[in-house]
Amino acid sequence: MVDNAAWTAPLSFLDVLRDIGKHFKVNAMVSKESVRARMEDREVGISYTEFSYMILQALDFHYLCESQECELQIGGSDQWGNITAGIDLIHRKQNRQAYGLTLPLITNADGTKFGKTESGAVWLDVNRTSIYQFYQFWVRVDDRDVVRYLKYFTFLSRDEVEELARQHEAEPHARIAHKALAREVTALVHGEEAVTEAIRASEILFGGDLDGITEATFREVAGEVPTCELSVDRFAGEGLWLPELLNEAGLAQSRGQARKDVKGGGVYVNGIRTDDEQHKLTPSDLMFDKYILLRRGKRNYAVVITH
């Protein structure tokens, strides 16, 4: 693996214009499908940076071909224009033949690129996309995509996929195929233990109890809900009044509202419902000596983290 900064960083803008840019015709660049489509979209358009990216990718191919004998570039079908630009540059600068191979781009049913969400890309790196988020990404795929993705991304047999397809058609609300997809891909990327953690975290965030939860799983949960940091000293002595904690954690607009919520039976502390508006929390309520999971209603969560 190489870093293209090794050959691009030393170049000045004038170097690129003089040595590389002269080999590119603007009319040819504009004719590339990826560029033309963006230019025709008046609302989005294309920036100079994006327009110039073709030159940088071509430069990468040229350098690798010259220094590493790399003659083939493989990419998604949306990279065809950039790849052919590199092939042309290699022919002009080195007078040799290079090649490109593109693969069909995986898209969602709505036409968007696979792997993109409203919050950004889905990563294999657990530090960028948590195990829970990764698992949920697959659980939430469009009904129209789930069977196709089972074929693409899992090693399930044809018979197993067809059976899941039948179950999905009969009971789409059960999301049997989605859960199978999430389970298989998460296990493939992160391991079986991670699947157990992701499923457990999902159960908790949908009202399940906390019996037997591990700290690793709890941290997955904490990463998906609002958090509130408090000094552990706040829980010393008689303890911290629950309505006060609900207010500070953002689950109630006021202590008065919090008292009503508690009295109405809509508040849960570490998965256990409490309707005692005078309830106070002490260090013994801290899970793993550090956390408290609060829930108001069915879907409003907060995690208190002590320090």
C-alpha atoms as a PDB file:
ATOM      1  CA  MET A   1       0.000   0.000   0.000  1.00  0.00           C
ATOM      2  CA  VAL A   2       1.276   3.457  -0.867  1.00  0.00           C
ATOM      3  CA  ASP A   3       0.207   6.983   0.050  1.00  0.00           C
ATOM      4  CA  ASN A   4      -0.270   9.307  -2.915  1.00  0.00           C
ATOM      5  CA  ALA A   5       0.982  12.191  -0.774  1.00  0.00           C
ATOM      6  CA  ALA A   6       4.446  10.782  -1.502  1.00  0.00           C
ATOM      7  CA  TRP A   7       4.281  12.108  -5.068  1.00  0.00           C
ATOM      8  CA  THR A   8       1.568  14.781  -4.926  1.00  0.00           C
ATOM      9  CA  ALA A   9       2.695  16.714  -1.831  1.00  0.00           C
ATOM     10  CA  PRO A  10       6.036  17.850  -3.340  1.00  0.00           C
ATOM     11  CA  LEU A  11       4.267  19.248  -6.424  1.00  0.00           C
ATOM     12  CA  SER A  12       3.346  22.907  -6.597  1.00  0.00           C
ATOM     13  CA  PHE A  13       0.220  24.144  -8.342  1.00  0.00           C
ATOM     14  CA  LEU A  14       2.411  25.485 -11.146  1.00  0.00           C
ATOM     15  CA  ASP A  15       4.116  22.085 -11.472  1.00  0.00           C
ATOM     16  CA  VAL A  16       0.758  20.415 -12.009  1.00  0.00           C
ATOM     17  CA  LEU A  17      -0.361  22.997 -14.562  1.00  0.00           C
ATOM     18  CA  ARG A  18       2.913  22.833 -16.490  1.00  0.00           C
ATOM     19  CA  ASP A  19       3.647  19.108 -16.429  1.00  0.00           C
ATOM     20  CA  ILE A  20       0.233  17.467 -16.101  1.00  0.00           C
ATOM     21  CA  GLY A  21      -2.504  19.957 -16.924  1.00  0.00           C
ATOM     22  CA  LYS A  22      -1.224  20.547 -20.445  1.00  0.00           C
ATOM     23  CA  HIS A  23      -2.191  16.972 -21.358  1.00  0.00           C
ATOM     24  CA  PHE A  24      -5.873  17.518 -20.525  1.00  0.00           C
ATOM     25  CA  LYS A  25      -8.372  19.145 -22.873  1.00  0.00           C
ATOM     26  CA  VAL A  26     -11.226  20.905 -21.095  1.00  0.00           C
ATOM     27  CA  ASN A  27     -13.761  19.860 -23.730  1.00  0.00           C
ATOM     28  CA  ALA A  28     -12.776  16.204 -23.199  1.00  0.00           C
ATOM     29  CA  MET A  29     -13.042  16.568 -19.421  1.00  0.00           C
ATOM     30  CA  VAL A  30     -16.461  18.199 -19.673  1.00  0.00           C
ATOM     31  CA  SER A  31     -17.685  15.414 -21.942  1.00  0.00           C
ATOM     32  CA  LYS A  32     -17.119  12.800 -19.222  1.00  0.00           C
ATOM     33  CA  GLU A  33     -20.479  11.558 -17.951  1.00  0.00           C
ATOM     34  CA  SER A  34     -19.662  12.190 -14.284  1.00  0.00           C
ATOM     35  CA  VAL A  35     -18.768  15.826 -15.008  1.00  0.00           C
ATOM     36  CA  ARG A  36     -21.535  16.507 -17.512  1.00  0.00           C
ATOM     37  CA  ALA A  37     -24.232  15.216 -15.171  1.00  0.00           C
ATOM     38  CA  ARG A  38     -23.064  17.530 -12.389  1.00  0.00           C
ATOM     39  CA  MET A  39     -22.821  20.538 -14.694  1.00  0.00           C
ATOM     40  CA  GLU A  40     -26.354  19.979 -15.953  1.00  0.00           C
ATOM     41  CA  ASP A  41     -27.659  20.066 -12.378  1.00  0.00           C
ATOM     42  CA  ARG A  42     -27.997  23.815 -11.875  1.00  0.00           C
ATOM     43  CA  GLU A  43     -28.731  23.492  -8.160  1.00  0.00           C
ATOM     44  CA  VAL A  44     -25.667  21.380  -7.307  1.00  0.00           C
ATOM     45  CA  GLY A  45     -23.156  22.116 -10.053  1.00  0.00           C
ATOM     46  CA  ILE A  46     -19.516  21.107  -9.714  1.00  0.00           C
ATOM     47  CA  SER A  47     -16.695  22.854  -7.878  1.00  0.00           C
ATOM     48  CA  TYR A  48     -13.264  23.449  -9.373  1.00  0.00           C
ATOM     49  CA  THR A  49     -11.850  21.027  -6.780  1.00  0.00           C
ATOM     50  CA  GLU A  50     -14.180  18.247  -7.916  1.00  0.00           C
ATOM     51  CA  PHE A  51     -13.555  19.066 -11.563  1.00  0.00           C
ATOM     52  CA  SER A  52      -9.780  18.851 -11.018  1.00  0.00           C
ATOM     53  CA  TYR A  53      -9.950  15.555  -9.144  1.00  0.00           C
ATOM     54  CA  MET A  54      -9.850  13.739 -12.485  1.00  0.00           C
ATOM     55  CA  ILE A  55      -6.357  15.135 -13.061  1.00  0.00           C
ATOM     56  CA  LEU A  56      -5.122  13.992  -9.646  1.00  0.00           C
ATOM     57  CA  GLN A  57      -6.506  10.485 -10.074  1.00  0.00           C
ATOM     58  CA  ALA A  58      -4.929  10.291 -13.517  1.00  0.00           C
ATOM     59  CA  LEU A  59      -1.633  11.442 -12.007  1.00  0.00           C
ATOM     60  CA  ASP A  60      -1.840   8.654  -9.420  1.00  0.00           C
ATOM     61  CA  PHE A  61      -2.318   6.035 -12.132  1.00  0.00           C
ATOM     62  CA  HIS A  62       0.540   7.501 -14.172  1.00  0.00           C
ATOM     63  CA  TYR A  63       2.917   7.461 -11.196  1.00  0.00           C
ATOM     64  CA  LEU A  64       2.009   3.898 -10.151  1.00  0.00           C
ATOM     65  CA  CYS A  65       2.370   2.667 -13.712  1.00  0.00           C
ATOM     66  CA  GLU A  66       5.778   4.293 -14.029  1.00  0.00           C
ATOM     67  CA  SER A  67       7.181   3.370 -10.607  1.00  0.00           C
ATOM     68  CA  GLN A  68       5.343   0.155  -9.704  1.00  0.00           C
ATOM     69  CA  GLU A  69       4.529  -1.330 -13.131  1.00  0.00           C
ATOM     70  CA  CYS A  70       0.829  -0.999 -12.293  1.00  0.00           C
ATOM     71  CA  GLU A  71      -1.002  -1.272 -15.625  1.00  0.00           C
ATOM     72  CA  LEU A  72      -4.565  -1.959 -14.460  1.00  0.00           C
ATOM     73  CA  GLN A  73      -6.881   0.266 -12.432  1.00  0.00           C
ATOM     74  CA  ILE A  74     -10.094  -1.225 -11.033  1.00  0.00           C
ATOM     75  CA  GLY A  75     -12.990   0.867  -9.777  1.00  0.00           C
ATOM     76  CA  GLY A  76     -16.714   1.375  -9.650  1.00  0.00           C
ATOM     77  CA  SER A  77     -18.552   2.240 -12.840  1.00  0.00           C
ATOM     78  CA  ASP A  78     -18.780   5.873 -11.707  1.00  0.00           C
ATOM     79  CA  GLN A  79     -14.955   6.054 -11.970  1.00  0.00           C
ATOM     80  CA  TRP A  80     -14.851   5.248 -15.689  1.00  0.00           C
ATOM     81  CA  GLY A  81     -14.083   8.813 -16.755  1.00  0.00           C
ATOM     82  CA  ASN A  82     -11.275   9.224 -14.225  1.00  0.00           C
ATOM     83  CA  ILE A  83      -9.759   5.861 -15.132  1.00  0.00           C
ATOM     84  CA  THR A  84      -9.755   6.563 -18.871  1.00  0.00           C
ATOM     85  CA  ALA A  85      -8.203   9.967 -18.165  1.00  0.00           C
ATOM     86  CA  GLY A  86      -5.344   8.127 -16.455  1.00  0.00           C
ATOM     87  CA  ILE A  87      -4.983   5.726 -19.376  1.00  0.00           C
ATOM     88  CA  ASP A  88      -4.725   8.693 -21.759  1.00  0.00           C
ATOM     89  CA  LEU A  89      -2.137  10.419 -19.548  1.00  0.00           C
ATOM     90  CA  ILE A  90       0.011   7.271 -19.382  1.00  0.00           C
ATOM     91  CA  HIS A  91      -0.126   6.958 -23.166  1.00  0.00           C
ATOM     92  CA  ARG A  92       0.947  10.596 -23.626  1.00  0.00           C
ATOM     93  CA  LYS A  93       3.678  10.625 -20.945  1.00  0.00           C
ATOM     94  CA  GLN A  94       5.025   7.071 -21.196  1.00  0.00           C
ATOM     95  CA  ASN A  95       3.882   5.914 -24.623  1.00  0.00           C
ATOM     96  CA  ARG A  96       2.606   2.655 -23.156  1.00  0.00           C
ATOM     97  CA  GLN A  97      -0.752   0.933 -22.845  1.00  0.00           C
ATOM     98  CA  ALA A  98      -2.607   0.811 -19.539  1.00  0.00           C
ATOM     99  CA  TYR A  99      -6.001  -0.683 -18.802  1.00  0.00           C
ATOM    100  CA  GLY A 100      -9.127  -0.023 -16.781  1.00  0.00           C
ATOM    101  CA  LEU A 101     -11.740  -2.364 -15.352  1.00  0.00           C
ATOM    102  CA  THR A 102     -14.980  -1.103 -13.833  1.00  0.00           C
ATOM    103  CA  LEU A 103     -17.556  -2.973 -11.795  1.00  0.00           C
ATOM    104  CA  PRO A 104     -21.264  -2.167 -11.592  1.00  0.00           C
ATOM    105  CA  LEU A 105     -21.914   0.336  -8.839  1.00  0.00           C
ATOM    106  CA  ILE A 106     -24.141  -1.000  -6.075  1.00  0.00           C
ATOM    107  CA  THR A 107     -27.074   1.344  -5.598  1.00  0.00           C
ATOM    108  CA  ASN A 108     -30.059   1.406  -3.303  1.00  0.00           C
ATOM    109  CA  ALA A 109     -33.611   1.062  -4.596  1.00  0.00           C
ATOM    110  CA  ASP A 110     -33.920   4.867  -4.628  1.00  0.00           C
ATOM    111  CA  GLY A 111     -30.875   5.189  -6.891  1.00  0.00           C
ATOM    112  CA  THR A 112     -28.436   6.491  -4.268  1.00  0.00           C
ATOM    113  CA  LYS A 113     -25.007   4.954  -3.762  1.00  0.00           C
ATOM    114  CA  PHE A 114     -24.920   1.994  -1.420  1.00  0.00           C
ATOM    115  CA  GLY A 115     -23.288   2.629   1.949  1.00  0.00           C
ATOM    116  CA  LYS A 116     -24.375   6.260   2.298  1.00  0.00           C
ATOM    117  CA  THR A 117     -26.720   7.445   5.046  1.00  0.00           C
ATOM    118  CA  GLU A 118     -28.052  10.816   6.128  1.00  0.00           C
ATOM    119  CA  SER A 119     -25.304  10.956   8.759  1.00  0.00           C
ATOM    120  CA  GLY A 120     -22.545   9.945   6.339  1.00  0.00           C
ATOM    121  CA  ALA A 121     -20.791   6.816   5.140  1.00  0.00           C
ATOM    122  CA  VAL A 122     -20.929   3.444   6.887  1.00  0.00           C
ATOM    123  CA  TRP A 123     -17.429   2.302   7.832  1.00  0.00           C
ATOM    124  CA  LEU A 124     -15.946  -1.108   8.623  1.00  0.00           C
ATOM    125  CA  ASP A 125     -13.761   0.580  11.256  1.00  0.00           C
ATOM    126  CA  VAL A 126     -15.529   0.269  14.620  1.00  0.00           C
ATOM    127  CA  ASN A 127     -14.042   3.632  15.654  1.00  0.00           C
ATOM    128  CA  ARG A 128     -15.959   5.320  12.830  1.00  0.00           C
ATOM    129  CA  THR A 129     -19.164   3.267  12.814  1.00  0.00           C
ATOM    130  CA  SER A 130     -20.034   1.498  16.055  1.00  0.00           C
ATOM    131  CA  ILE A 131     -21.054  -2.158  15.984  1.00  0.00           C
ATOM    132  CA  TYR A 132     -24.604  -1.176  16.910  1.00  0.00           C
ATOM    133  CA  GLN A 133     -24.787   1.416  14.108  1.00  0.00           C
ATOM    134  CA  PHE A 134     -23.317  -1.088  11.656  1.00  0.00           C
ATOM    135  CA  TYR A 135     -25.872  -3.723  12.630  1.00  0.00           C
ATOM    136  CA  GLN A 136     -28.740  -1.243  12.471  1.00  0.00           C
ATOM    137  CA  PHE A 137     -27.656  -0.056   9.019  1.00  0.00           C
ATOM    138  CA  TRP A 138     -28.393  -3.528   7.663  1.00  0.00           C
ATOM    139  CA  VAL A 139     -31.590  -3.944   9.666  1.00  0.00           C
ATOM    140  CA  ARG A 140     -32.919  -0.704   8.170  1.00  0.00           C
ATOM    141  CA  VAL A 141     -32.211  -1.351   4.483  1.00  0.00           C
ATOM    142  CA  ASP A 142     -35.113  -0.805   2.117  1.00  0.00           C
ATOM    143  CA  ASP A 143     -37.484  -3.767   1.765  1.00  0.00           C
ATOM    144  CA  ARG A 144     -36.812  -3.666  -1.977  1.00  0.00           C
ATOM    145  CA  ASP A 145     -33.069  -4.193  -1.415  1.00  0.00           C
ATOM    146  CA  VAL A 146     -32.870  -6.788   1.336  1.00  0.00           C
ATOM    147  CA  VAL A 147     -33.004  -9.975  -0.773  1.00  0.00           C
ATOM    148  CA  ARG A 148     -30.522  -8.566  -3.298  1.00  0.00           C
ATOM    149  CA  TYR A 149     -28.128  -7.659  -0.492  1.00  0.00           C
ATOM    150  CA  LEU A 150     -28.431 -11.135   1.018  1.00  0.00           C
ATOM    151  CA  LYS A 151     -27.109 -12.435  -2.308  1.00  0.00           C
ATOM    152  CA  TYR A 152     -24.363  -9.808  -2.537  1.00  0.00           C
ATOM    153  CA  PHE A 153     -22.999  -9.616   0.982  1.00  0.00           C
ATOM    154  CA  THR A 154     -23.530 -12.975   2.705  1.00  0.00           C
ATOM    155  CA  PHE A 155     -22.391 -16.548   2.167  1.00  0.00           C
ATOM    156  CA  LEU A 156     -25.856 -17.982   2.685  1.00  0.00           C
ATOM    157  CA  SER A 157     -26.806 -20.665   0.184  1.00  0.00           C
ATOM    158  CA  ARG A 158     -29.274 -20.006  -2.608  1.00  0.00           C
ATOM    159  CA  ASP A 159     -31.872 -22.143  -0.828  1.00  0.00           C
ATOM    160  CA  GLU A 160     -31.418 -20.176   2.413  1.00  0.00           C
ATOM    161  CA  VAL A 161     -31.787 -16.847   0.617  1.00  0.00           C
ATOM    162  CA  GLU A 162     -34.885 -18.047  -1.234  1.00  0.00           C
ATOM    163  CA  GLU A 163     -36.428 -19.209   2.049  1.00  0.00           C
ATOM    164  CA  LEU A 164     -35.731 -15.819   3.642  1.00  0.00           C
ATOM    165  CA  ALA A 165     -37.258 -14.147   0.585  1.00  0.00           C
ATOM    166  CA  ARG A 166     -40.428 -16.207   1.035  1.00  0.00           C
ATOM    167  CA  GLN A 167     -40.612 -15.344   4.720  1.00  0.00           C
ATOM    168  CA  HIS A 168     -40.045 -11.676   3.937  1.00  0.00           C
ATOM    169  CA  GLU A 169     -42.848 -11.664   1.374  1.00  0.00           C
ATOM    170  CA  ALA A 170     -45.225 -13.411   3.784  1.00  0.00           C
ATOM    171  CA  GLU A 171     -44.354 -11.325   6.860  1.00  0.00           C
ATOM    172  CA  PRO A 172     -42.520  -8.144   5.842  1.00  0.00           C
ATOM    173  CA  HIS A 173     -43.293  -6.513   9.204  1.00  0.00           C
ATOM    174  CA  ALA A 174     -41.280  -9.223  11.016  1.00  0.00           C
ATOM    175  CA  ARG A 175     -38.112  -8.116   9.176  1.00  0.00           C
ATOM    176  CA  ILE A 176     -36.796 -11.678   9.230  1.00  0.00           C
ATOM    177  CA  ALA A 177     -34.672 -11.169   6.122  1.00  0.00           C
ATOM    178  CA  HIS A 178     -33.321  -7.854   7.438  1.00  0.00           C
ATOM    179  CA  LYS A 179     -32.240  -9.406  10.737  1.00  0.00           C
ATOM    180  CA  ALA A 180     -30.584 -12.297   8.920  1.00  0.00           C
ATOM    181  CA  LEU A 181     -28.721  -9.840   6.693  1.00  0.00           C
ATOM    182  CA  ALA A 182     -27.600  -7.753   9.680  1.00  0.00           C
ATOM    183  CA  ARG A 183     -26.536 -10.831  11.620  1.00  0.00           C
ATOM    184  CA  GLU A 184     -24.543 -12.377   8.761  1.00  0.00           C
ATOM    185  CA  VAL A 185     -22.697  -9.233   7.676  1.00  0.00           C
ATOM    186  CA  THR A 186     -21.953  -8.050  11.221  1.00  0.00           C
ATOM    187  CA  ALA A 187     -20.555 -11.496  12.087  1.00  0.00           C
ATOM    188  CA  LEU A 188     -18.457 -11.475   8.914  1.00  0.00           C
ATOM    189  CA  VAL A 189     -16.945  -8.062   9.702  1.00  0.00           C
ATOM    190  CA  HIS A 190     -16.840  -7.941  13.506  1.00  0.00           C
ATOM    191  CA  GLY A 191     -17.343 -11.536  14.713  1.00  0.00           C
ATOM    192  CA  GLU A 192     -20.111 -13.511  16.403  1.00  0.00           C
ATOM    193  CA  GLU A 193     -19.603 -11.848  19.783  1.00  0.00           C
ATOM    194  CA  ALA A 194     -20.222  -8.465  18.185  1.00  0.00           C
ATOM    195  CA  VAL A 195     -23.526  -9.721  16.784  1.00  0.00           C
ATOM    196  CA  THR A 196     -24.629 -10.711  20.274  1.00  0.00           C
ATOM    197  CA  GLU A 197     -23.684  -7.253  21.575  1.00  0.00           C
ATOM    198  CA  ALA A 198     -25.500  -5.475  18.750  1.00  0.00           C
ATOM    199  CA  ILE A 199     -28.681  -7.511  19.196  1.00  0.00           C
ATOM    200  CA  ARG A 200     -28.561  -6.982  22.955  1.00  0.00           C
ATOM    201  CA  ALA A 201     -28.077  -3.229  22.529  1.00  0.00           C
ATOM    202  CA  SER A 202     -31.004  -3.143  20.091  1.00  0.00           C
ATOM    203  CA  GLU A 203     -33.223  -4.963  22.581  1.00  0.00           C
ATOM    204  CA  ILE A 204     -32.334  -2.480  25.313  1.00  0.00           C
ATOM    205  CA  LEU A 205     -33.077   0.537  23.134  1.00  0.00           C
ATOM    206  CA  PHE A 206     -36.442  -0.982  22.297  1.00  0.00           C
ATOM    207  CA  GLY A 207     -37.428  -1.495  25.911  1.00  0.00           C
ATOM    208  CA  GLY A 208     -35.627  -4.704  26.878  1.00  0.00           C
ATOM    209  CA  ASP A 209     -34.231  -5.359  30.357  1.00  0.00           C
ATOM    210  CA  LEU A 210     -30.584  -5.054  31.362  1.00  0.00           C
ATOM    211  CA  ASP A 211     -30.127  -8.497  32.883  1.00  0.00           C
ATOM    212  CA  GLY A 212     -26.720  -9.928  32.091  1.00  0.00           C
ATOM    213  CA  ILE A 213     -25.600  -6.946  30.014  1.00  0.00           C
ATOM    214  CA  THR A 214     -21.846  -6.520  29.597  1.00  0.00           C
ATOM    215  CA  GLU A 215     -20.089  -3.190  29.927  1.00  0.00           C
ATOM    216  CA  ALA A 216     -19.066  -3.379  26.259  1.00  0.00           C
ATOM    217  CA  THR A 217     -22.709  -3.701  25.224  1.00  0.00           C
ATOM    218  CA  PHE A 218     -23.728  -0.902  27.554  1.00  0.00           C
ATOM    219  CA  ARG A 219     -21.147   1.378  25.964  1.00  0.00           C
ATOM    220  CA  GLU A 220     -22.718   0.585  22.585  1.00  0.00           C
ATOM    221  CA  VAL A 221     -26.056   1.753  24.005  1.00  0.00           C
ATOM    222  CA  ALA A 222     -24.482   4.858  25.533  1.00  0.00           C
ATOM    223  CA  GLY A 223     -23.034   5.780  22.158  1.00  0.00           C
ATOM    224  CA  GLU A 224     -26.501   5.950  20.595  1.00  0.00           C
ATOM    225  CA  VAL A 225     -28.337   8.195  23.071  1.00  0.00           C
ATOM    226  CA  PRO A 226     -27.797  11.628  24.649  1.00  0.00           C
ATOM    227  CA  THR A 227     -25.398  11.600  27.578  1.00  0.00           C
ATOM    228  CA  CYS A 228     -25.015  13.707  30.687  1.00  0.00           C
ATOM    229  CA  GLU A 229     -21.820  13.857  32.744  1.00  0.00           C
ATOM    230  CA  LEU A 230     -22.037  14.388  36.510  1.00  0.00           C
ATOM    231  CA  SER A 231     -19.675  14.115  39.435  1.00  0.00           C
ATOM    232  CA  VAL A 232     -20.137  10.890  41.372  1.00  0.00           C
ATOM    233  CA  ASP A 233     -20.245  13.067  44.497  1.00  0.00           C
ATOM    234  CA  ARG A 234     -23.764  14.166  43.463  1.00  0.00           C
ATOM    235  CA  PHE A 235     -24.979  10.681  44.378  1.00  0.00           C
ATOM    236  CA  ALA A 236     -23.310  10.553  47.798  1.00  0.00           C
ATOM    237  CA  GLY A 237     -25.150  10.771  51.111  1.00  0.00           C
ATOM    238  CA  GLU A 238     -28.919  10.716  50.678  1.00  0.00           C
ATOM    239  CA  GLY A 239     -28.502  10.544  46.919  1.00  0.00           C
ATOM    240  CA  LEU A 240     -29.674  12.587  43.913  1.00  0.00           C
ATOM    241  CA  TRP A 241     -33.395  13.246  43.499  1.00  0.00           C
ATOM    242  CA  LEU A 242     -34.689  11.458  40.403  1.00  0.00           C
ATOM    243  CA  PRO A 243     -36.760  14.383  39.008  1.00  0.00           C
ATOM    244  CA  GLU A 244     -33.687  16.590  39.322  1.00  0.00           C
ATOM    245  CA  LEU A 245     -31.606  14.046  37.419  1.00  0.00           C
ATOM    246  CA  LEU A 246     -34.244  13.707  34.681  1.00  0.00           C
ATOM    247  CA  ASN A 247     -34.224  17.467  34.240  1.00  0.00           C
ATOM    248  CA  GLU A 248     -30.425  17.683  34.070  1.00  0.00           C
ATOM    249  CA  ALA A 249     -30.259  14.763  31.646  1.00  0.00           C
ATOM    250  CA  GLY A 250     -32.625  16.553  29.265  1.00  0.00           C
ATOM    251  CA  LEU A 251     -35.538  14.140  29.629  1.00  0.00           C
ATOM    252  CA  ALA A 252     -37.806  16.728  31.257  1.00  0.00           C
ATOM    253  CA  GLN A 253     -38.095  20.477  30.758  1.00  0.00           C
ATOM    254  CA  SER A 254     -38.487  21.072  34.478  1.00  0.00           C
ATOM    255  CA  ARG A 255     -38.408  19.234  37.775  1.00  0.00           C
ATOM    256  CA  GLY A 256     -42.158  19.664  38.007  1.00  0.00           C
ATOM    257  CA  GLN A 257     -42.657  17.957  34.654  1.00  0.00           C
ATOM    258  CA  ALA A 258     -40.241  15.227  35.707  1.00  0.00           C
ATOM    259  CA  ARG A 259     -42.262  14.589  38.884  1.00  0.00           C
ATOM    260  CA  LYS A 260     -45.424  14.163  36.812  1.00  0.00           C
ATOM    261  CA  ASP A 261     -43.662  11.750  34.452  1.00  0.00           C
ATOM    262  CA  VAL A 262     -42.380   9.663  37.355  1.00  0.00           C
ATOM    263  CA  LYS A 263     -45.742   9.658  39.112  1.00  0.00           C
ATOM    264  CA  GLY A 264     -47.411   8.617  35.848  1.00  0.00           C
ATOM    265  CA  GLY A 265     -45.220   5.518  35.617  1.00  0.00           C
ATOM    266  CA  GLY A 266     -43.419   6.554  32.448  1.00  0.00           C
ATOM    267  CA  VAL A 267     -39.889   6.668  33.859  1.00  0.00           C
ATOM    268  CA  TYR A 268     -37.386   3.807  33.987  1.00  0.00           C
ATOM    269  CA  VAL A 269     -34.066   3.692  35.827  1.00  0.00           C
ATOM    270  CA  ASN A 270     -31.684   1.040  34.520  1.00  0.00           C
ATOM    271  CA  GLY A 271     -34.617  -0.689  32.847  1.00  0.00           C
ATOM    272  CA  ILE A 272     -36.817  -0.741  35.966  1.00  0.00           C
ATOM    273  CA  ARG A 273     -39.979   1.358  36.139  1.00  0.00           C
ATOM    274  CA  THR A 274     -40.327   3.643  39.141  1.00  0.00           C
ATOM    275  CA  ASP A 275     -43.342   5.748  40.115  1.00  0.00           C
ATOM    276  CA  ASP A 276     -41.871   7.120  43.353  1.00  0.00           C
ATOM    277  CA  GLU A 277     -41.462  10.841  42.747  1.00  0.00           C
ATOM    278  CA  GLN A 278     -39.269  11.087  45.861  1.00  0.00           C
ATOM    279  CA  HIS A 279     -36.875   8.389  44.648  1.00  0.00           C
ATOM    280  CA  LYS A 280     -33.202   9.214  45.099  1.00  0.00           C
ATOM    281  CA  LEU A 281     -30.281   7.586  43.353  1.00  0.00           C
ATOM    282  CA  THR A 282     -27.107   6.589  45.182  1.00  0.00           C
ATOM    283  CA  PRO A 283     -23.777   5.069  44.097  1.00  0.00           C
ATOM    284  CA  SER A 284     -25.398   1.629  44.372  1.00  0.00           C
ATOM    285  CA  ASP A 285     -27.537   2.547  41.331  1.00  0.00           C
ATOM    286  CA  LEU A 286     -24.480   3.062  39.127  1.00  0.00           C
ATOM    287  CA  MET A 287     -24.048   0.307  36.566  1.00  0.00           C
ATOM    288  CA  PHE A 288     -20.418  -0.782  36.354  1.00  0.00           C
ATOM    289  CA  ASP A 289     -19.809   1.868  39.052  1.00  0.00           C
ATOM    290  CA  LYS A 290     -20.204   4.587  36.435  1.00  0.00           C
ATOM    291  CA  TYR A 291     -23.472   4.681  34.449  1.00  0.00           C
ATOM    292  CA  ILE A 292     -27.212   5.159  34.863  1.00  0.00           C
ATOM    293  CA  LEU A 293     -29.614   4.495  31.986  1.00  0.00           C
ATOM    294  CA  LEU A 294     -32.734   6.662  32.084  1.00  0.00           C
ATOM    295  CA  ARG A 295     -35.812   6.253  29.915  1.00  0.00           C
ATOM    296  CA  ARG A 296     -38.939   8.371  29.663  1.00  0.00           C
ATOM    297  CA  GLY A 297     -41.772   6.842  27.690  1.00  0.00           C
ATOM    298  CA  LYS A 298     -40.959   4.319  24.980  1.00  0.00           C
ATOM    299  CA  ARG A 299     -38.138   5.946  23.043  1.00  0.00           C
ATOM    300  CA  ASN A 300     -36.598   8.793  25.069  1.00  0.00           C
ATOM    301  CA  TYR A 301     -33.275   7.727  26.557  1.00  0.00           C
ATOM    302  CA  ALA A 302     -30.324   9.318  28.294  1.00  0.00           C
ATOM    303  CA  VAL A 303     -27.199   7.883  29.872  1.00  0.00           C
ATOM    304  CA  VAL A 304     -25.673   9.522  32.928  1.00  0.00           C
ATOM    305  CA  ILE A 305     -21.901   9.093  33.063  1.00  0.00           C
ATOM    306  CA  THR A 306     -20.180   9.828  36.356  1.00  0.00           C
ATOM    307  CA  HIS A 307     -16.617  10.936  36.913  1.00  0.00           C
END
